[in-house]
Amino acid sequence: MMHIAILGSRGIPNQYGGFEQFAQQLAVYLVQQGHRVTVYNSSLHPYRDSNYQGVQIVRCYDPENYLGTAGQFIYDLVGILHARRQSYDVLLQLGYTSSALWYPLHPSGVPVVTNMDGLEWRRSKYRGMVRRFLLWSEARAAHRSQALVADSKGIAQYLQETYGLDSTFIPYAALPVDPIPTEKLAQALEPMGLVPGGYDLLIARMEPDNHIHTLLQAHAHAAGLRPSLPPLVLVGRPANAFARGLQARHPNGPHVRWLGGIYEQDTLEILRQGCRHYFHGHSVGGTNPSLLEAMASGCRIVAHNNEFNRSVLGEEAVYFDEAASLGRYLADNNPWPASWPAKHRQTVAEQYSPERIMGAYLHLLQQCANPS
């Protein structure tokens, strides 16, 4: 039996995004396999219990609510200092943006496995000194970790070409979801003022690199060409100035619906299965969990045109680069190949099953904890 610590997320159960959802899935799986698992939670996380489905929760002081990004560095430091006083067999560090500074403080003799996530320094919101710091953090995490995880083959290739380091390719996991009967779907959507096939959907963090602005512009352009265009429904917390600015320019109305953050999985599944198009604007990073969930739901996916999305979706998607051409496509109401949703579900079942993905993490953690 191993005692495993998971650091770097905001905590479980998921109330934020991909890392948190993954941490929840993996932690519960590892406990079910007979291991002790501790997940570090932000003090801002609404979950207050010290245990979640057998996973021990350690709450750490997080001043991000009034210090902004600087608070993340303090939160990571508090977690690592706590870990130094424990007897863990292996640490799983999710990301490196604010934790790489503290790598020398990780518990001595305890192997660190780092999920390198996406290429943070490529995000358009980072410039100058911040971008240089992120590149420094990436290199520091890469060289100081005992093992690296790449969630896409593109990230694995980047780590090899940039640092000469091998990594273990382990994507995120998803399960194919059976189609919901149309009548039941209609009943579930009615309280939200939606009908099956009568809206387009975006589920994402409200960040520039997720191309929320591009999709809103495209949808507005399409609505100008075709006034009967179904509305665009956006799910995600408007937690920054970028999102609030978008809300001001594209307020709720006949063609835009802002639903805010939704984390209840049944509700998200209903929204995914009921939409006409599912937009995935993520442009930085590897295999995104929300994209796998859309595939598992059989969504008709319109994705940003980049190597990461194409490596997952292949040719069974519509890709966009800019707003004008996407707007014209949406206005034309093009037919959708009937085989694509079933192909997505098949891909998820064959390549991204939780048993396969979580088993790969368990194997890697065991190798690091017991190198002999």
Protein backbone atom coordinates (compact mmCIF):
# COMPACT_ATOMS: atom_id res chain seq x y z
CA MET A 1 0.00 0.00 0.00
CA MET A 2 1.27 3.45 -0.93
CA HIS A 3 0.52 6.78 0.71
CA ILE A 4 0.11 9.24 -2.18
CA ALA A 5 -0.27 13.02 -2.01
CA ILE A 6 -1.86 15.04 -4.82
CA LEU A 7 -0.89 18.71 -4.92
CA GLY A 8 -1.45 21.52 -7.40
CA SER A 9 -5.22 21.50 -7.83
CA ARG A 10 -7.71 23.75 -6.10
CA GLY A 11 -9.20 20.67 -4.50
CA ILE A 12 -11.94 18.09 -4.68
CA PRO A 13 -14.79 17.51 -5.33
CA ASN A 14 -14.41 19.40 -8.60
CA GLN A 15 -15.70 22.95 -8.53
CA TYR A 16 -13.24 24.47 -10.97
CA GLY A 17 -11.95 22.62 -14.02
CA GLY A 18 -9.87 19.88 -15.60
CA PHE A 19 -7.17 19.35 -12.98
CA GLU A 20 -9.72 19.21 -10.20
CA GLN A 21 -11.92 16.75 -12.06
CA PHE A 22 -8.90 14.57 -12.79
CA ALA A 23 -7.69 14.76 -9.17
CA GLN A 24 -11.12 13.64 -7.99
CA GLN A 25 -11.24 10.69 -10.40
CA LEU A 26 -7.71 9.51 -9.69
CA ALA A 27 -7.84 9.95 -5.91
CA VAL A 28 -11.05 7.94 -5.57
CA TYR A 29 -9.69 5.24 -7.90
CA LEU A 30 -6.46 4.91 -5.92
CA VAL A 31 -8.39 4.56 -2.67
CA GLN A 32 -10.52 1.85 -4.25
CA GLN A 33 -7.30 0.04 -5.15
CA GLY A 34 -6.30 -0.03 -1.48
CA HIS A 35 -3.97 2.98 -1.26
CA ARG A 36 -3.99 5.96 1.10
CA VAL A 37 -4.49 9.23 -0.72
CA THR A 38 -4.29 12.82 0.48
CA VAL A 39 -5.49 15.70 -1.70
CA TYR A 40 -4.59 19.28 -0.85
CA ASN A 41 -7.56 21.67 -1.04
CA SER A 42 -7.62 25.43 -1.15
CA SER A 43 -9.15 27.06 1.92
CA LEU A 44 -11.45 28.83 -0.57
CA HIS A 45 -12.94 25.52 -1.71
CA PRO A 46 -16.58 25.19 -0.59
CA TYR A 47 -16.14 21.54 0.49
CA ARG A 48 -15.44 21.56 4.23
CA ASP A 49 -15.18 17.90 5.21
CA SER A 50 -11.83 16.23 5.87
CA ASN A 51 -12.74 13.15 3.84
CA TYR A 52 -14.20 12.63 0.38
CA GLN A 53 -15.11 9.05 -0.59
CA GLY A 54 -12.17 7.75 1.41
CA VAL A 55 -9.72 10.43 0.28
CA GLN A 56 -8.16 12.52 3.05
CA ILE A 57 -8.57 16.26 2.49
CA VAL A 58 -6.02 18.76 3.81
CA ARG A 59 -7.20 22.37 3.62
CA CYS A 60 -4.43 24.91 3.05
CA TYR A 61 -4.52 28.67 3.46
CA ASP A 62 -5.16 30.35 0.11
CA PRO A 63 -5.24 34.18 -0.07
CA GLU A 64 -5.98 34.31 -3.80
CA ASN A 65 -9.32 36.01 -3.17
CA TYR A 66 -7.52 39.21 -2.16
CA LEU A 67 -3.95 38.76 -3.44
CA GLY A 68 -4.87 37.49 -6.89
CA THR A 69 -2.37 35.24 -8.65
CA ALA A 70 0.25 35.85 -5.95
CA GLY A 71 -2.02 33.97 -3.56
CA GLN A 72 -1.47 30.76 -5.56
CA PHE A 73 2.23 30.82 -4.67
CA ILE A 74 1.37 31.04 -0.98
CA TYR A 75 -1.20 28.26 -1.28
CA ASP A 76 1.32 25.96 -2.96
CA LEU A 77 3.98 26.79 -0.37
CA VAL A 78 1.64 26.01 2.52
CA GLY A 79 0.77 22.65 0.97
CA ILE A 80 4.38 21.68 0.34
CA LEU A 81 5.42 22.67 3.87
CA HIS A 82 2.63 20.46 5.22
CA ALA A 83 3.78 17.59 2.99
CA ARG A 84 7.28 17.84 4.47
CA ARG A 85 5.88 16.79 7.84
CA GLN A 86 4.15 13.68 6.46
CA SER A 87 5.39 10.26 5.38
CA TYR A 88 4.32 10.06 1.78
CA ASP A 89 5.67 7.46 -0.61
CA VAL A 90 5.18 9.61 -3.71
CA LEU A 91 3.89 13.07 -4.60
CA LEU A 92 1.82 13.81 -7.70
CA GLN A 93 2.24 17.48 -8.60
CA LEU A 94 -0.41 18.82 -10.99
CA GLY A 95 1.12 21.62 -13.03
CA TYR A 96 4.05 23.85 -12.17
CA THR A 97 2.98 27.47 -12.71
CA SER A 98 3.16 28.55 -9.08
CA SER A 99 4.77 25.48 -7.48
CA ALA A 100 8.10 25.28 -9.35
CA LEU A 101 9.52 28.01 -7.12
CA TRP A 102 9.19 25.65 -4.15
CA TYR A 103 10.61 22.45 -5.67
CA PRO A 104 13.66 22.54 -3.32
CA LEU A 105 11.21 22.38 -0.41
CA HIS A 106 9.53 19.15 -1.50
CA PRO A 107 10.03 16.38 1.09
CA SER A 108 13.55 15.00 0.82
CA GLY A 109 13.74 11.49 -0.61
CA VAL A 110 10.12 11.43 -1.78
CA PRO A 111 9.79 11.09 -5.57
CA VAL A 112 7.81 13.78 -7.37
CA VAL A 113 5.72 12.95 -10.44
CA THR A 114 4.68 16.10 -12.32
CA ASN A 115 1.82 16.36 -14.78
CA MET A 116 3.22 19.07 -17.07
CA ASP A 117 -0.24 20.11 -18.34
CA GLY A 118 -0.16 22.52 -21.29
CA LEU A 119 2.36 25.11 -22.43
CA GLU A 120 1.40 27.85 -19.98
CA TRP A 121 3.89 30.36 -21.36
CA ARG A 122 2.11 30.30 -24.72
CA ARG A 123 -1.08 31.75 -23.27
CA SER A 124 -1.81 35.11 -24.85
CA LYS A 125 -2.47 36.79 -21.50
CA TYR A 126 1.18 36.34 -20.49
CA ARG A 127 3.89 38.70 -21.70
CA GLY A 128 7.41 39.83 -20.85
CA MET A 129 8.65 38.90 -17.40
CA VAL A 130 5.65 36.68 -16.68
CA ARG A 131 6.26 34.62 -19.80
CA ARG A 132 9.96 34.29 -18.97
CA PHE A 133 9.07 33.19 -15.45
CA LEU A 134 6.73 30.53 -16.79
CA LEU A 135 9.44 29.19 -19.10
CA TRP A 136 11.83 29.09 -16.13
CA SER A 137 9.18 27.29 -14.04
CA GLU A 138 8.57 24.76 -16.81
CA ALA A 139 12.28 23.96 -17.08
CA ARG A 140 12.66 23.76 -13.31
CA ALA A 141 9.73 21.35 -12.97
CA ALA A 142 10.96 19.24 -15.88
CA HIS A 143 14.47 18.82 -14.48
CA ARG A 144 13.60 18.44 -10.79
CA SER A 145 10.82 15.86 -11.11
CA GLN A 146 11.58 12.17 -10.93
CA ALA A 147 8.96 11.48 -13.61
CA LEU A 148 6.99 13.60 -16.06
CA VAL A 149 3.48 13.00 -17.38
CA ALA A 150 2.40 14.45 -20.73
CA ASP A 151 -1.35 14.41 -21.38
CA SER A 152 -0.84 14.60 -25.15
CA LYS A 153 1.72 13.29 -27.60
CA GLY A 154 2.40 16.87 -28.66
CA ILE A 155 3.46 17.78 -25.11
CA ALA A 156 5.61 14.63 -24.90
CA GLN A 157 7.37 15.58 -28.14
CA TYR A 158 7.87 19.15 -26.89
CA LEU A 159 9.49 17.94 -23.64
CA GLN A 160 11.85 15.67 -25.55
CA GLU A 161 12.83 18.31 -28.11
CA THR A 162 13.16 21.15 -25.58
CA TYR A 163 14.72 19.44 -22.58
CA GLY A 164 15.87 16.08 -23.89
CA LEU A 165 13.63 14.39 -21.31
CA ASP A 166 11.36 11.40 -21.69
CA SER A 167 7.85 11.54 -20.30
CA THR A 168 4.97 9.13 -19.89
CA PHE A 169 2.03 9.84 -22.17
CA ILE A 170 -1.17 9.51 -20.14
CA PRO A 171 -4.23 11.45 -21.38
CA TYR A 172 -7.32 12.19 -19.34
CA ALA A 173 -10.20 9.73 -19.07
CA ALA A 174 -13.85 9.62 -20.03
CA LEU A 175 -16.65 7.10 -20.44
CA PRO A 176 -19.08 6.92 -23.37
CA VAL A 177 -22.55 8.04 -22.28
CA ASP A 178 -25.74 6.49 -23.63
CA PRO A 179 -28.02 8.87 -25.53
CA ILE A 180 -30.78 10.38 -23.40
CA PRO A 181 -34.28 9.82 -24.84
CA THR A 182 -35.57 12.96 -26.55
CA GLU A 183 -38.66 13.24 -24.31
CA LYS A 184 -36.61 13.02 -21.13
CA LEU A 185 -34.09 15.50 -22.54
CA ALA A 186 -36.85 17.96 -23.37
CA GLN A 187 -38.31 17.71 -19.85
CA ALA A 188 -34.89 18.34 -18.27
CA LEU A 189 -34.11 21.34 -20.51
CA GLU A 190 -37.51 23.01 -20.16
CA PRO A 191 -36.78 24.69 -16.77
CA MET A 192 -33.71 26.30 -18.39
CA GLY A 193 -35.80 27.63 -21.25
CA LEU A 194 -34.05 25.38 -23.78
CA VAL A 195 -35.16 22.70 -26.23
CA PRO A 196 -33.18 19.79 -27.72
CA GLY A 197 -31.24 20.92 -30.77
CA GLY A 198 -32.28 24.50 -30.14
CA TYR A 199 -29.01 25.99 -28.86
CA ASP A 200 -25.25 25.88 -29.29
CA LEU A 201 -23.08 25.21 -26.24
CA LEU A 202 -19.75 26.31 -24.79
CA ILE A 203 -18.39 24.92 -21.51
CA ALA A 204 -15.05 26.43 -20.54
CA ARG A 205 -13.07 28.63 -18.24
CA MET A 206 -13.51 32.21 -19.37
CA GLU A 207 -9.96 32.76 -20.63
CA PRO A 208 -8.73 34.36 -23.88
CA ASP A 209 -6.93 31.18 -24.96
CA ASN A 210 -10.26 29.34 -24.96
CA HIS A 211 -11.43 31.73 -27.70
CA ILE A 212 -14.67 32.71 -25.97
CA HIS A 213 -14.45 36.08 -27.73
CA THR A 214 -13.97 34.46 -31.15
CA LEU A 215 -16.99 32.21 -30.66
CA LEU A 216 -19.18 35.07 -29.46
CA GLN A 217 -18.14 37.17 -32.45
CA ALA A 218 -18.81 34.28 -34.83
CA HIS A 219 -22.20 33.62 -33.32
CA ALA A 220 -23.12 37.32 -33.46
CA HIS A 221 -22.03 37.43 -37.11
CA ALA A 222 -24.11 34.34 -37.89
CA ALA A 223 -27.14 35.78 -36.11
CA GLY A 224 -26.85 38.89 -38.28
CA LEU A 225 -26.95 36.72 -41.38
CA ARG A 226 -29.65 34.43 -40.01
CA PRO A 227 -31.87 36.03 -37.33
CA SER A 228 -33.49 32.68 -36.45
CA LEU A 229 -30.11 31.28 -35.33
CA PRO A 230 -30.41 29.30 -32.07
CA PRO A 231 -28.79 30.97 -29.04
CA LEU A 232 -25.27 30.34 -27.78
CA VAL A 233 -25.33 29.04 -24.21
CA LEU A 234 -22.17 29.66 -22.18
CA VAL A 235 -21.29 27.67 -19.04
CA GLY A 236 -18.42 28.95 -16.92
CA ARG A 237 -17.80 31.34 -14.08
CA PRO A 238 -17.25 34.96 -15.20
CA ALA A 239 -14.48 35.28 -12.63
CA ASN A 240 -12.20 37.78 -14.38
CA ALA A 241 -12.24 41.10 -16.19
CA PHE A 242 -12.03 39.38 -19.58
CA ALA A 243 -15.26 37.46 -18.94
CA ARG A 244 -17.08 40.45 -17.48
CA GLY A 245 -16.09 42.50 -20.52
CA LEU A 246 -17.52 39.84 -22.82
CA GLN A 247 -20.75 39.79 -20.84
CA ALA A 248 -21.03 43.57 -21.21
CA ARG A 249 -20.49 43.39 -25.00
CA HIS A 250 -22.67 40.29 -25.47
CA PRO A 251 -25.41 40.46 -22.79
CA ASN A 252 -28.15 37.91 -22.26
CA GLY A 253 -30.68 38.08 -25.06
CA PRO A 254 -32.27 36.09 -27.88
CA HIS A 255 -28.89 34.88 -29.16
CA VAL A 256 -26.77 34.64 -25.97
CA ARG A 257 -27.41 32.90 -22.65
CA TRP A 258 -24.91 33.08 -19.77
CA LEU A 259 -25.57 30.25 -17.28
CA GLY A 260 -22.52 30.79 -15.04
CA GLY A 261 -20.56 27.95 -13.45
CA ILE A 262 -22.29 24.55 -13.42
CA TYR A 263 -20.51 21.55 -11.88
CA GLU A 264 -23.38 19.08 -11.42
CA GLN A 265 -22.49 16.33 -13.88
CA ASP A 266 -26.06 15.28 -14.69
CA THR A 267 -26.95 18.85 -15.66
CA LEU A 268 -23.84 19.19 -17.81
CA GLU A 269 -24.65 15.92 -19.54
CA ILE A 270 -28.17 17.09 -20.34
CA LEU A 271 -26.78 20.33 -21.78
CA ARG A 272 -24.21 18.48 -23.88
CA GLN A 273 -26.67 15.99 -25.31
CA GLY A 274 -29.27 18.64 -26.05
CA CYS A 275 -27.05 21.06 -27.96
CA ARG A 276 -26.92 21.56 -31.71
CA HIS A 277 -23.17 22.31 -31.77
CA TYR A 278 -20.61 21.99 -29.00
CA PHE A 279 -17.85 24.60 -29.21
CA HIS A 280 -14.35 23.79 -27.99
CA GLY A 281 -12.13 26.83 -28.29
CA HIS A 282 -9.16 25.61 -26.22
CA SER A 283 -5.92 26.39 -28.02
CA VAL A 284 -3.17 25.84 -25.41
CA GLY A 285 -2.56 22.52 -23.71
CA GLY A 286 -2.92 18.85 -24.35
CA THR A 287 -5.85 16.46 -24.11
CA ASN A 288 -8.59 18.52 -22.50
CA PRO A 289 -11.09 16.68 -20.23
CA SER A 290 -14.04 18.77 -21.41
CA LEU A 291 -13.33 17.76 -25.00
CA LEU A 292 -13.32 14.07 -24.08
CA GLU A 293 -16.64 14.53 -22.25
CA ALA A 294 -18.17 16.15 -25.32
CA MET A 295 -16.98 13.22 -27.44
CA ALA A 296 -18.33 10.75 -24.86
CA SER A 297 -21.71 12.50 -25.08
CA GLY A 298 -21.82 12.22 -28.85
CA CYS A 299 -21.71 15.97 -29.41
CA ARG A 300 -21.29 17.61 -32.79
CA ILE A 301 -18.01 19.37 -32.07
CA VAL A 302 -16.71 22.61 -33.56
CA ALA A 303 -13.12 23.03 -32.34
CA HIS A 304 -10.28 25.50 -32.60
CA ASN A 305 -7.84 24.41 -35.26
CA ASN A 306 -4.65 23.32 -33.47
CA GLU A 307 -2.48 20.23 -33.12
CA PHE A 308 -3.83 19.29 -29.70
CA ASN A 309 -7.48 19.25 -30.73
CA ARG A 310 -6.77 17.54 -34.04
CA SER A 311 -4.76 14.79 -32.33
CA VAL A 312 -7.87 13.88 -30.33
CA LEU A 313 -10.71 14.56 -32.78
CA GLY A 314 -9.07 13.58 -36.04
CA GLU A 315 -11.26 14.39 -39.04
CA GLU A 316 -14.57 13.94 -37.20
CA ALA A 317 -15.03 17.62 -36.33
CA VAL A 318 -15.40 21.07 -37.83
CA TYR A 319 -12.41 23.34 -37.15
CA PHE A 320 -12.21 27.12 -37.02
CA ASP A 321 -9.39 29.67 -37.05
CA GLU A 322 -11.23 32.98 -36.93
CA ALA A 323 -14.70 34.42 -36.35
CA ALA A 324 -15.83 35.47 -39.82
CA SER A 325 -15.57 32.10 -41.55
CA LEU A 326 -17.06 30.31 -38.55
CA GLY A 327 -19.96 32.77 -38.53
CA ARG A 328 -20.69 32.05 -42.16
CA TYR A 329 -20.55 28.30 -41.48
CA LEU A 330 -23.03 28.59 -38.59
CA ALA A 331 -25.39 30.75 -40.62
CA ASP A 332 -25.46 28.20 -43.45
CA ASN A 333 -26.82 25.46 -41.12
CA ASN A 334 -24.65 22.81 -42.75
CA PRO A 335 -25.65 19.13 -42.40
CA TRP A 336 -23.62 17.03 -39.96
CA PRO A 337 -22.19 13.59 -40.86
CA ALA A 338 -24.35 11.08 -39.01
CA SER A 339 -21.40 8.78 -38.26
CA TRP A 340 -19.30 11.26 -36.30
CA PRO A 341 -21.00 11.09 -32.86
CA ALA A 342 -20.81 7.28 -32.81
CA LYS A 343 -17.17 7.45 -33.88
CA HIS A 344 -16.40 9.81 -30.99
CA ARG A 345 -18.01 7.47 -28.48
CA GLN A 346 -16.01 4.57 -29.93
CA THR A 347 -12.74 6.53 -29.68
CA VAL A 348 -13.43 7.37 -26.03
CA ALA A 349 -14.23 3.74 -25.21
CA GLU A 350 -11.09 2.42 -26.91
CA GLN A 351 -8.50 5.05 -25.98
CA TYR A 352 -9.66 7.00 -22.93
CA SER A 353 -11.35 4.54 -20.59
CA PRO A 354 -10.87 5.34 -16.87
CA GLU A 355 -9.58 1.83 -16.17
CA ARG A 356 -6.84 2.28 -18.74
CA ILE A 357 -5.90 5.83 -17.77
CA MET A 358 -6.07 5.45 -13.99
CA GLY A 359 -4.26 2.13 -14.24
CA ALA A 360 -1.43 3.84 -16.13
CA TYR A 361 -1.11 6.44 -13.36
CA LEU A 362 -1.09 3.75 -10.69
CA HIS A 363 1.64 1.85 -12.52
CA LEU A 364 3.79 5.00 -12.84
CA LEU A 365 3.33 5.95 -9.18
CA GLN A 366 4.28 2.43 -8.10
CA GLN A 367 7.38 2.53 -10.28
CA CYS A 368 8.46 5.82 -8.71
CA ALA A 369 7.66 4.79 -5.14
CA ASN A 370 9.43 1.43 -5.55
CA PRO A 371 12.14 1.97 -8.17
CA SER A 372 13.82 -1.38 -7.48
